Amino acid sequence: MTNKNPPPVPKTGLIELDIIDLAYGGKGVAKVDNFVVFVSNAVPGDRVRANITKRHKNHAEAETVEVLKASPDRVVAP
């Protein structure tokens, strides 16, 4: 059986994402065509360049490489 609708993100590599929410555990949440991507070191309102580290059937995981546009809610850790 072939997968007629492959996930809209690559298995690995860089992608630009808009963070829209926070997940339990503190990772940022982005969506690409309703496909969820959990992004470390990102907060809602950020636009980030992220590296996809794992891709699953329903979601992907990524690490922030660069914050392209910082959220107004972002604060510097003490």
C-alpha atoms as a PDB file:
ATOM      1  CA  MET A   1       0.000   0.000   0.000  1.00  0.00           C
ATOM      2  CA  THR A   2       1.433   3.392  -0.943  1.00  0.00           C
ATOM      3  CA  ASN A   3       0.973   6.557   1.043  1.00  0.00           C
ATOM      4  CA  LYS A   4      -1.169   8.820  -1.151  1.00  0.00           C
ATOM      5  CA  ASN A   5      -0.627  11.849   1.076  1.00  0.00           C
ATOM      6  CA  PRO A   6       2.986  12.064   2.240  1.00  0.00           C
ATOM      7  CA  PRO A   7       3.687  14.514   5.092  1.00  0.00           C
ATOM      8  CA  PRO A   8       4.198  18.087   3.810  1.00  0.00           C
ATOM      9  CA  VAL A   9       7.584  18.464   5.528  1.00  0.00           C
ATOM     10  CA  PRO A  10      10.886  16.816   4.590  1.00  0.00           C
ATOM     11  CA  LYS A  11      12.341  13.944   6.654  1.00  0.00           C
ATOM     12  CA  THR A  12      15.305  16.159   7.504  1.00  0.00           C
ATOM     13  CA  GLY A  13      16.487  19.615   6.566  1.00  0.00           C
ATOM     14  CA  LEU A  14      15.702  23.262   7.156  1.00  0.00           C
ATOM     15  CA  ILE A  15      12.231  24.783   7.033  1.00  0.00           C
ATOM     16  CA  GLU A  16      10.788  28.190   7.978  1.00  0.00           C
ATOM     17  CA  LEU A  17       7.900  28.029  10.440  1.00  0.00           C
ATOM     18  CA  ASP A  18       5.518  30.385  12.232  1.00  0.00           C
ATOM     19  CA  ILE A  19       5.003  29.293  15.832  1.00  0.00           C
ATOM     20  CA  ILE A  20       1.323  29.453  16.769  1.00  0.00           C
ATOM     21  CA  ASP A  21       1.086  27.776  20.176  1.00  0.00           C
ATOM     22  CA  LEU A  22       2.963  26.048  22.995  1.00  0.00           C
ATOM     23  CA  ALA A  23       2.744  22.310  23.603  1.00  0.00           C
ATOM     24  CA  TYR A  24       2.863  20.550  26.937  1.00  0.00           C
ATOM     25  CA  GLY A  25       6.545  20.439  27.824  1.00  0.00           C
ATOM     26  CA  GLY A  26       7.292  23.870  26.363  1.00  0.00           C
ATOM     27  CA  LYS A  27       7.938  23.180  22.682  1.00  0.00           C
ATOM     28  CA  GLY A  28       6.556  25.590  20.123  1.00  0.00           C
ATOM     29  CA  VAL A  29       3.821  24.360  17.800  1.00  0.00           C
ATOM     30  CA  ALA A  30       3.721  25.142  14.080  1.00  0.00           C
ATOM     31  CA  LYS A  31       1.503  23.746  11.339  1.00  0.00           C
ATOM     32  CA  VAL A  32       2.270  23.064   7.690  1.00  0.00           C
ATOM     33  CA  ASP A  33      -0.946  22.190   5.849  1.00  0.00           C
ATOM     34  CA  ASN A  34      -2.447  20.981   9.181  1.00  0.00           C
ATOM     35  CA  PHE A  35       0.629  18.796   9.812  1.00  0.00           C
ATOM     36  CA  VAL A  36       1.952  19.594  13.303  1.00  0.00           C
ATOM     37  CA  VAL A  37       5.620  20.380  13.925  1.00  0.00           C
ATOM     38  CA  PHE A  38       6.932  20.619  17.511  1.00  0.00           C
ATOM     39  CA  VAL A  39       9.852  23.057  17.680  1.00  0.00           C
ATOM     40  CA  SER A  40      12.322  23.392  20.561  1.00  0.00           C
ATOM     41  CA  ASN A  41      13.375  26.873  21.745  1.00  0.00           C
ATOM     42  CA  ALA A  42      10.454  28.656  20.080  1.00  0.00           C
ATOM     43  CA  VAL A  43       7.507  30.638  21.460  1.00  0.00           C
ATOM     44  CA  PRO A  44       4.184  31.708  19.924  1.00  0.00           C
ATOM     45  CA  GLY A  45       4.693  34.650  17.586  1.00  0.00           C
ATOM     46  CA  ASP A  46       8.203  33.618  16.520  1.00  0.00           C
ATOM     47  CA  ARG A  47       9.106  32.963  12.900  1.00  0.00           C
ATOM     48  CA  VAL A  48      12.002  30.506  12.927  1.00  0.00           C
ATOM     49  CA  ARG A  49      14.274  28.561  10.647  1.00  0.00           C
ATOM     50  CA  ALA A  50      14.251  25.058  12.089  1.00  0.00           C
ATOM     51  CA  ASN A  51      15.978  21.776  11.361  1.00  0.00           C
ATOM     52  CA  ILE A  52      13.619  18.792  11.113  1.00  0.00           C
ATOM     53  CA  THR A  53      15.072  16.064  13.348  1.00  0.00           C
ATOM     54  CA  LYS A  54      12.289  13.457  13.250  1.00  0.00           C
ATOM     55  CA  ARG A  55       9.234  12.975  11.080  1.00  0.00           C
ATOM     56  CA  HIS A  56       6.403  10.729  12.147  1.00  0.00           C
ATOM     57  CA  LYS A  57       3.087   9.840  10.521  1.00  0.00           C
ATOM     58  CA  ASN A  58       1.126  12.609  12.302  1.00  0.00           C
ATOM     59  CA  HIS A  59       3.797  15.119  13.351  1.00  0.00           C
ATOM     60  CA  ALA A  60       7.431  16.153  13.129  1.00  0.00           C
ATOM     61  CA  GLU A  61      10.012  17.392  15.615  1.00  0.00           C
ATOM     62  CA  ALA A  62      12.458  20.201  14.932  1.00  0.00           C
ATOM     63  CA  GLU A  63      15.116  22.337  16.594  1.00  0.00           C
ATOM     64  CA  THR A  64      15.345  26.093  16.152  1.00  0.00           C
ATOM     65  CA  VAL A  65      18.423  27.083  14.157  1.00  0.00           C
ATOM     66  CA  GLU A  66      17.651  30.810  13.851  1.00  0.00           C
ATOM     67  CA  VAL A  67      14.919  33.147  15.057  1.00  0.00           C
ATOM     68  CA  LEU A  68      13.971  35.151  11.960  1.00  0.00           C
ATOM     69  CA  LYS A  69      11.369  37.300  13.718  1.00  0.00           C
ATOM     70  CA  ALA A  70      11.136  37.288  17.501  1.00  0.00           C
ATOM     71  CA  SER A  71       7.799  37.244  19.267  1.00  0.00           C
ATOM     72  CA  PRO A  72       6.997  40.305  21.383  1.00  0.00           C
ATOM     73  CA  ASP A  73       6.410  37.781  24.195  1.00  0.00           C
ATOM     74  CA  ARG A  74       9.986  36.474  24.045  1.00  0.00           C
ATOM     75  CA  VAL A  75      12.098  37.397  27.080  1.00  0.00           C
ATOM     76  CA  VAL A  76      15.752  36.863  27.899  1.00  0.00           C
ATOM     77  CA  ALA A  77      16.328  34.260  30.602  1.00  0.00           C
ATOM     78  CA  PRO A  78      17.838  35.704  33.799  1.00  0.00           C
END
